[in-house]
Amino acid sequence: MENKKALPLLFVVMFLVMVGFGIIIPVLPFFAERVGATPEQLGWLMAVYSLMQFLFAPIWGRISDKIGRKPVMLIGIAGLSISFFLFAISTKLWMLFAARILGGLLSSANMPTTMAYVADITTPENRGKGMGIIGAAVGLGFIFGPAIGGVFSKTSLNMPFFIAGMVSAITFFFVLFFLSESLPAEKRTMQNTDTKESRWKAFNGPVAVLYVLQLFVSFSLAGLEATFAYFAAARAGVNTTQLGYIFMIMGVAGAIVQGGLVGRLTKKFGEGAVIQAGLVISIIGFGLILLTNSFVTAAIFVTIFGIGNGVIRPSVSALVTKKAKGGQGSATGLLSSFDSLGRIAGPPIGGALYSTQMGLPYISGMLISAVAFILYWIYIKREQKSTVTI
């Protein structure tokens, strides 16, 4: 079956995309500093990428409903490659911003289109498994990417960007030659008979609550990512090398759970049960992080949080693509947009909370996850009402 072959290919594509993205993470601050960026400007340099993703992911999702998934994926991967090469040759701050804006604008096509592709080729009962496999690829890419970037940064600060550009270029040709289109022409015309209406259909009805739930989940995760290095250093004397190991352990555990368990759990219990369990585990993880007192406890507690947080996104994605009415690309694009909004708001608010009291980002994370849990029950009630009305 072609569908069975497509999922492993998508895994490779998203793994390579995220390796390319991850390669630059450990180098970006030093590279920006070299061309004269202040810490505030570095913050904007990182935020502008997420801002572009927030603005353009829904647009690319809709375009993929209209012209097919493959061309939009190729645009996204090509954009990523070009932005890395532009970054590598940048000598002034404005050039870095131009490269990041271009990269964010074009690469925002990748995630929603990949999720829409998964929705095209999977049955509703296997949707969670497909989304979990993509989540695992993203997680593993984030583990290997920064490690590769760290190694090659010793040669020069430009080298990781050239390598990221080459990895993205290889991914482009991999998609071009090996990945077939998942959305036939007749389905494209059906989904786009009224493009104006389809823009808003994705955010209509009970499913709108799931987008807000995803915003809260990504917001709390981004707040943790922005502050945990300081917290672990203050509480347990964790250094940068140990921190790398902690996030690697968390990433591997998350990838294993997403790649192997999410599909089975959603098939057996449904996406709703997995989302609720993930939120409960996230709340427990946030609470345990407050008790961190050594490298070992830091690694265990963050991994518990990571497992809980990691199962939520693929389950929400699967549920959204089942329930949304305006085309899979529109739905997944909007979901990516809400995800990006959480990643934009999470770090500065998490940082401000940490500055007030170092445990606040994790206490607020518990509260936000609890609100997300309540939101899921609001979604259930609305879904039941709409079903009764129909």
Protein backbone atom coordinates (compact mmCIF):
# COMPACT_ATOMS: atom_id res chain seq x y z
CA MET A 1 0.00 0.00 0.00
CA GLU A 2 1.27 3.45 -0.97
CA ASN A 3 -0.16 4.94 2.25
CA LYS A 4 1.98 2.61 4.35
CA LYS A 5 5.07 3.74 2.44
CA ALA A 6 4.16 7.42 2.77
CA LEU A 7 4.31 7.60 6.59
CA PRO A 8 7.96 6.46 6.86
CA LEU A 9 8.83 8.91 4.06
CA LEU A 10 7.09 11.74 5.94
CA PHE A 11 8.97 10.71 9.08
CA VAL A 12 12.28 11.11 7.19
CA VAL A 13 11.18 14.46 5.71
CA MET A 14 10.19 16.00 9.05
CA PHE A 15 13.25 14.52 10.77
CA LEU A 16 15.55 16.16 8.18
CA VAL A 17 13.61 19.46 8.34
CA MET A 18 13.96 19.59 12.14
CA VAL A 19 17.64 18.51 12.06
CA GLY A 20 18.28 21.44 9.73
CA PHE A 21 16.32 23.74 12.02
CA GLY A 22 17.98 22.38 15.19
CA ILE A 23 21.55 22.69 13.86
CA ILE A 24 21.47 26.47 14.23
CA ILE A 25 20.01 26.58 17.78
CA PRO A 26 23.28 26.47 19.77
CA VAL A 27 25.05 28.82 17.33
CA LEU A 28 22.46 31.52 16.66
CA PRO A 29 23.12 33.68 19.76
CA PHE A 30 26.90 33.77 19.15
CA PHE A 31 26.52 34.37 15.41
CA ALA A 32 24.10 37.26 16.05
CA GLU A 33 26.42 38.68 18.70
CA ARG A 34 29.28 38.64 16.18
CA VAL A 35 27.40 41.00 13.86
CA GLY A 36 26.57 43.33 16.77
CA ALA A 37 23.18 42.13 18.04
CA THR A 38 22.24 43.04 21.62
CA PRO A 39 20.37 40.49 23.81
CA GLU A 40 17.12 42.38 23.10
CA GLN A 41 17.74 42.25 19.35
CA LEU A 42 18.50 38.54 19.63
CA GLY A 43 15.11 38.09 21.32
CA TRP A 44 13.43 39.86 18.42
CA LEU A 45 15.45 37.81 15.94
CA MET A 46 14.04 34.63 17.49
CA ALA A 47 10.51 36.03 17.92
CA VAL A 48 10.18 37.29 14.35
CA TYR A 49 10.51 33.72 13.02
CA SER A 50 7.61 32.54 15.22
CA LEU A 51 5.62 35.62 14.28
CA MET A 52 5.94 34.78 10.57
CA GLN A 53 4.87 31.21 11.35
CA PHE A 54 1.85 32.52 13.25
CA LEU A 55 0.78 34.79 10.37
CA PHE A 56 1.44 32.52 7.40
CA ALA A 57 0.83 28.90 8.54
CA PRO A 58 -2.97 29.16 7.99
CA ILE A 59 -2.41 30.73 4.55
CA TRP A 60 -0.08 27.90 3.44
CA GLY A 61 -2.53 25.35 4.86
CA ARG A 62 -5.32 26.81 2.71
CA ILE A 63 -3.09 26.94 -0.36
CA SER A 64 -2.27 23.24 0.11
CA ASP A 65 -6.04 22.51 0.09
CA LYS A 66 -6.17 24.26 -3.27
CA ILE A 67 -3.04 23.12 -5.16
CA GLY A 68 -2.02 19.96 -3.26
CA ARG A 69 0.36 19.15 -0.42
CA LYS A 70 3.57 18.36 -2.30
CA PRO A 71 4.12 21.74 -4.06
CA VAL A 72 3.56 23.62 -0.78
CA MET A 73 5.96 21.31 1.10
CA LEU A 74 8.58 21.95 -1.59
CA ILE A 75 8.12 25.74 -1.22
CA GLY A 76 8.51 25.45 2.56
CA ILE A 77 11.65 23.31 2.44
CA ALA A 78 13.23 25.44 -0.32
CA GLY A 79 12.53 28.57 1.74
CA LEU A 80 14.20 27.01 4.77
CA SER A 81 17.28 26.08 2.72
CA ILE A 82 17.61 29.55 1.15
CA SER A 83 17.20 31.28 4.54
CA PHE A 84 20.02 29.17 6.06
CA PHE A 85 22.41 30.01 3.21
CA LEU A 86 21.48 33.72 3.48
CA PHE A 87 22.14 33.56 7.21
CA ALA A 88 25.54 31.93 6.64
CA ILE A 89 26.73 34.79 4.42
CA SER A 90 25.19 37.60 6.53
CA THR A 91 27.56 40.26 7.79
CA LYS A 92 25.05 42.81 9.11
CA LEU A 93 22.12 42.60 11.54
CA TRP A 94 19.49 43.58 8.94
CA MET A 95 20.63 40.62 6.82
CA LEU A 96 19.99 38.26 9.72
CA PHE A 97 16.50 39.68 10.16
CA ALA A 98 15.81 39.39 6.41
CA ALA A 99 16.93 35.74 6.45
CA ARG A 100 14.79 34.93 9.52
CA ILE A 101 11.71 36.70 8.12
CA LEU A 102 12.04 34.88 4.78
CA GLY A 103 12.68 31.56 6.55
CA GLY A 104 9.69 31.98 8.87
CA LEU A 105 7.38 33.09 6.07
CA LEU A 106 8.17 30.16 3.74
CA SER A 107 8.98 27.37 6.21
CA SER A 108 5.63 27.95 7.97
CA ALA A 109 4.30 25.81 5.11
CA ASN A 110 6.03 22.66 6.42
CA MET A 111 4.18 21.63 9.58
CA PRO A 112 0.54 22.29 8.56
CA THR A 113 1.07 20.68 5.16
CA THR A 114 2.73 17.61 6.66
CA MET A 115 -0.11 17.20 9.18
CA ALA A 116 -2.68 17.67 6.40
CA TYR A 117 -0.81 15.03 4.35
CA VAL A 118 -1.07 12.61 7.31
CA ALA A 119 -4.80 13.36 7.56
CA ASP A 120 -5.17 12.63 3.81
CA ILE A 121 -3.53 9.19 3.99
CA THR A 122 -4.78 7.83 7.33
CA THR A 123 -8.13 6.47 8.42
CA PRO A 124 -9.77 8.28 11.38
CA GLU A 125 -8.85 5.44 13.79
CA ASN A 126 -5.17 5.50 12.68
CA ARG A 127 -4.92 9.32 12.61
CA GLY A 128 -3.39 9.54 16.10
CA LYS A 129 -0.67 7.06 15.13
CA GLY A 130 0.21 9.11 12.04
CA MET A 131 0.37 12.38 13.98
CA GLY A 132 2.45 10.66 16.67
CA ILE A 133 4.99 9.49 14.09
CA ILE A 134 5.38 13.09 12.86
CA GLY A 135 5.75 14.26 16.48
CA ALA A 136 8.47 11.65 17.03
CA ALA A 137 10.34 12.84 13.91
CA VAL A 138 10.19 16.45 15.14
CA GLY A 139 11.45 15.40 18.59
CA LEU A 140 14.36 13.34 17.24
CA GLY A 141 15.32 16.12 14.81
CA PHE A 142 15.54 18.54 17.73
CA ILE A 143 17.82 16.11 19.56
CA PHE A 144 20.28 15.46 16.72
CA GLY A 145 20.21 18.94 15.17
CA PRO A 146 21.68 20.93 18.08
CA ALA A 147 24.28 18.20 18.70
CA ILE A 148 25.46 18.43 15.07
CA GLY A 149 25.43 22.25 15.24
CA GLY A 150 27.52 22.21 18.41
CA VAL A 151 30.16 19.96 16.82
CA PHE A 152 30.52 21.96 13.59
CA SER A 153 30.47 25.34 15.36
CA LYS A 154 34.02 24.50 16.48
CA THR A 155 35.11 24.78 12.83
CA SER A 156 33.40 28.17 12.36
CA LEU A 157 30.15 29.86 13.35
CA ASN A 158 29.10 29.96 9.68
CA MET A 159 29.53 26.22 9.13
CA PRO A 160 26.34 25.02 10.93
CA PHE A 161 24.25 27.34 8.73
CA PHE A 162 25.83 25.99 5.54
CA ILE A 163 25.22 22.42 6.77
CA ALA A 164 21.60 23.26 7.70
CA GLY A 165 21.12 24.71 4.19
CA MET A 166 22.55 21.56 2.59
CA VAL A 167 20.41 19.24 4.77
CA SER A 168 17.32 21.24 3.73
CA ALA A 169 18.36 21.09 0.06
CA ILE A 170 18.75 17.28 0.30
CA THR A 171 15.27 17.13 1.91
CA PHE A 172 13.86 19.18 -0.99
CA PHE A 173 15.10 16.64 -3.55
CA PHE A 174 13.98 13.74 -1.35
CA VAL A 175 10.40 15.12 -1.38
CA LEU A 176 10.59 15.97 -5.09
CA PHE A 177 11.59 12.45 -6.18
CA PHE A 178 10.18 10.10 -3.54
CA LEU A 179 6.99 11.60 -2.06
CA SER A 180 3.79 11.37 -4.09
CA GLU A 181 0.87 13.81 -3.87
CA SER A 182 -1.75 12.86 -1.25
CA LEU A 183 -4.62 15.15 -2.33
CA PRO A 184 -6.13 14.23 -5.73
CA ALA A 185 -7.28 17.06 -8.02
CA GLU A 186 -10.98 16.21 -7.60
CA LYS A 187 -10.74 16.55 -3.79
CA ARG A 188 -9.01 19.92 -4.10
CA THR A 189 -11.88 21.39 -6.08
CA MET A 190 -14.41 19.92 -3.61
CA GLN A 191 -12.63 21.48 -0.64
CA ASN A 192 -12.29 24.89 -2.27
CA THR A 193 -15.67 25.62 -3.82
CA ASP A 194 -15.89 28.63 -1.48
CA THR A 195 -12.45 29.70 -0.28
CA LYS A 196 -13.78 32.70 1.68
CA GLU A 197 -16.09 30.48 3.67
CA SER A 198 -13.42 27.77 4.18
CA ARG A 199 -11.10 30.27 5.86
CA TRP A 200 -13.51 30.57 8.76
CA LYS A 201 -14.93 27.05 8.75
CA ALA A 202 -11.77 25.73 10.45
CA PHE A 203 -12.46 27.94 13.49
CA ASN A 204 -16.18 27.27 13.65
CA GLY A 205 -18.14 25.25 16.17
CA PRO A 206 -16.85 23.21 19.12
CA VAL A 207 -13.47 22.53 17.43
CA ALA A 208 -12.49 26.20 18.05
CA VAL A 209 -11.95 25.27 21.72
CA LEU A 210 -9.24 22.76 20.69
CA TYR A 211 -7.21 25.52 19.03
CA VAL A 212 -7.25 27.55 22.26
CA LEU A 213 -6.32 24.40 24.22
CA GLN A 214 -3.27 23.92 21.96
CA LEU A 215 -2.31 27.58 22.47
CA PHE A 216 -2.26 27.03 26.26
CA VAL A 217 -0.22 23.82 25.93
CA SER A 218 2.46 25.41 23.71
CA PHE A 219 2.51 28.57 25.88
CA SER A 220 3.28 26.59 29.06
CA LEU A 221 5.94 24.50 27.26
CA ALA A 222 7.64 27.62 25.82
CA GLY A 223 7.68 29.22 29.29
CA LEU A 224 9.46 26.14 30.69
CA GLU A 225 11.98 26.00 27.82
CA ALA A 226 12.86 29.68 28.33
CA THR A 227 13.48 29.43 32.08
CA PHE A 228 14.47 25.87 32.99
CA ALA A 229 18.21 26.38 32.35
CA TYR A 230 18.31 29.16 34.97
CA PHE A 231 16.08 27.22 37.38
CA ALA A 232 18.11 24.00 37.15
CA ALA A 233 21.38 25.93 37.58
CA ALA A 234 20.06 27.77 40.65
CA ARG A 235 18.40 24.76 42.29
CA ALA A 236 20.75 21.92 41.34
CA GLY A 237 23.95 23.46 39.94
CA VAL A 238 23.23 21.97 36.49
CA ASN A 239 25.71 23.20 33.85
CA THR A 240 25.13 23.65 30.10
CA THR A 241 26.47 20.20 29.17
CA GLN A 242 24.22 18.50 31.72
CA LEU A 243 21.30 20.62 30.51
CA GLY A 244 21.93 19.30 26.99
CA TYR A 245 21.75 15.74 28.35
CA ILE A 246 18.51 16.53 30.22
CA PHE A 247 16.77 17.83 27.10
CA MET A 248 18.17 14.91 25.09
CA ILE A 249 16.69 12.40 27.59
CA MET A 250 13.38 14.29 27.51
CA GLY A 251 13.41 14.34 23.70
CA VAL A 252 14.19 10.62 23.32
CA ALA A 253 11.46 9.67 25.84
CA GLY A 254 8.96 11.94 24.07
CA ALA A 255 9.87 10.56 20.63
CA ILE A 256 9.46 6.95 21.84
CA VAL A 257 6.06 7.71 23.37
CA GLN A 258 4.84 9.69 20.34
CA GLY A 259 6.17 7.23 17.76
CA GLY A 260 5.16 4.03 19.53
CA LEU A 261 2.41 4.68 22.09
CA VAL A 262 0.19 7.54 20.88
CA GLY A 263 -1.26 5.53 18.00
CA ARG A 264 -2.10 2.54 20.20
CA LEU A 265 -3.54 4.68 22.98
CA THR A 266 -5.74 6.82 20.70
CA LYS A 267 -6.97 3.71 18.89
CA LYS A 268 -7.87 2.01 22.18
CA PHE A 269 -9.12 4.93 24.31
CA GLY A 270 -9.71 7.77 21.82
CA GLU A 271 -7.90 11.11 21.40
CA GLY A 272 -9.90 12.74 24.21
CA ALA A 273 -8.68 10.32 26.88
CA VAL A 274 -5.06 10.75 25.72
CA ILE A 275 -5.34 14.57 25.76
CA GLN A 276 -6.74 14.50 29.31
CA ALA A 277 -4.09 12.04 30.52
CA GLY A 278 -1.36 14.17 28.89
CA LEU A 279 -2.61 17.29 30.67
CA VAL A 280 -2.74 15.51 34.05
CA ILE A 281 0.83 14.19 33.57
CA SER A 282 1.94 17.72 32.54
CA ILE A 283 0.47 19.16 35.75
CA ILE A 284 2.27 16.48 37.82
CA GLY A 285 5.51 17.18 35.87
CA PHE A 286 5.32 20.93 36.54
CA GLY A 287 4.74 20.23 40.23
CA LEU A 288 7.67 17.81 40.44
CA ILE A 289 10.01 20.30 38.68
CA LEU A 290 9.54 22.60 41.70
CA LEU A 291 11.19 19.84 43.79
CA THR A 292 14.34 19.65 41.61
CA ASN A 293 17.51 19.33 43.72
CA SER A 294 19.99 17.40 41.53
CA PHE A 295 20.86 16.51 37.93
CA VAL A 296 19.01 13.17 38.30
CA THR A 297 15.80 14.70 39.67
CA ALA A 298 15.93 17.43 37.01
CA ALA A 299 16.21 14.81 34.25
CA ILE A 300 13.42 12.60 35.67
CA PHE A 301 10.96 15.42 36.42
CA VAL A 302 11.40 17.21 33.07
CA THR A 303 11.05 13.88 31.26
CA ILE A 304 7.75 13.17 33.08
CA PHE A 305 6.51 16.60 31.98
CA GLY A 306 7.82 16.00 28.43
CA ILE A 307 5.98 12.68 28.08
CA GLY A 308 2.71 14.29 29.19
CA ASN A 309 3.15 17.34 26.97
CA GLY A 310 4.36 15.25 24.02
CA VAL A 311 1.20 13.14 23.65
CA ILE A 312 -1.12 16.16 23.59
CA ARG A 313 -0.15 17.76 20.24
CA PRO A 314 -0.55 14.65 18.01
CA SER A 315 -3.86 13.79 19.73
CA VAL A 316 -5.20 17.35 19.31
CA SER A 317 -4.02 17.34 15.65
CA ALA A 318 -5.80 14.04 15.00
CA LEU A 319 -9.02 15.27 16.62
CA VAL A 320 -8.96 18.62 14.79
CA THR A 321 -8.52 16.96 11.38
CA LYS A 322 -11.45 14.64 12.13
CA LYS A 323 -13.80 17.42 13.22
CA ALA A 324 -12.79 20.45 11.09
CA LYS A 325 -15.00 21.28 8.10
CA GLY A 326 -12.96 23.69 5.96
CA GLY A 327 -10.26 21.41 4.47
CA GLN A 328 -7.43 19.62 6.28
CA GLY A 329 -4.85 22.24 5.31
CA SER A 330 -6.94 25.09 6.71
CA ALA A 331 -7.43 23.18 9.97
CA THR A 332 -3.78 22.18 10.46
CA GLY A 333 -2.57 25.62 9.37
CA LEU A 334 -4.73 27.28 12.00
CA LEU A 335 -3.51 24.79 14.63
CA SER A 336 0.13 25.60 13.75
CA SER A 337 -0.71 29.28 14.02
CA PHE A 338 -2.06 28.90 17.56
CA ASP A 339 0.98 26.79 18.42
CA SER A 340 3.28 29.58 17.19
CA LEU A 341 1.31 32.20 19.14
CA GLY A 342 2.00 30.21 22.34
CA ARG A 343 5.69 30.06 21.44
CA ILE A 344 5.79 33.83 20.88
CA ALA A 345 4.08 34.72 24.18
CA GLY A 346 5.52 31.93 26.38
CA PRO A 347 9.22 32.93 26.66
CA PRO A 348 8.83 36.65 27.59
CA ILE A 349 5.99 35.97 30.06
CA GLY A 350 7.84 32.95 31.50
CA GLY A 351 10.97 35.10 31.87
CA ALA A 352 9.03 37.88 33.61
CA LEU A 353 7.45 35.36 36.01
CA TYR A 354 10.87 33.81 36.74
CA SER A 355 12.29 37.26 37.51
CA THR A 356 9.49 37.79 40.04
CA GLN A 357 9.88 34.37 41.70
CA MET A 358 11.80 31.43 40.18
CA GLY A 359 9.04 28.86 40.77
CA LEU A 360 6.26 30.97 39.17
CA PRO A 361 6.64 29.70 35.55
CA TYR A 362 5.97 26.14 36.77
CA ILE A 363 3.14 27.08 39.16
CA SER A 364 1.52 29.03 36.30
CA GLY A 365 2.20 26.02 34.03
CA MET A 366 0.19 23.83 36.41
CA LEU A 367 -2.67 26.35 36.42
CA ILE A 368 -2.64 26.80 32.62
CA SER A 369 -2.65 23.01 32.12
CA ALA A 370 -5.60 22.76 34.53
CA VAL A 371 -7.45 25.43 32.50
CA ALA A 372 -6.65 23.44 29.32
CA PHE A 373 -8.16 20.36 31.00
CA ILE A 374 -11.36 22.35 31.72
CA LEU A 375 -11.33 23.60 28.10
CA TYR A 376 -11.40 20.01 26.88
CA TRP A 377 -14.56 19.41 28.91
CA ILE A 378 -16.09 22.58 27.44
CA TYR A 379 -15.28 21.15 24.00
CA ILE A 380 -17.01 17.85 24.92
CA LYS A 381 -20.16 19.67 26.12
CA ARG A 382 -20.30 21.81 22.96
CA GLU A 383 -19.71 18.77 20.76
CA GLN A 384 -22.58 16.91 22.48
CA LYS A 385 -24.88 19.94 22.06
CA SER A 386 -24.05 20.31 18.36
CA THR A 387 -24.65 16.57 17.81
CA VAL A 388 -28.05 16.81 19.53
CA THR A 389 -28.92 19.88 17.43
CA ILE A 390 -28.04 18.06 14.22
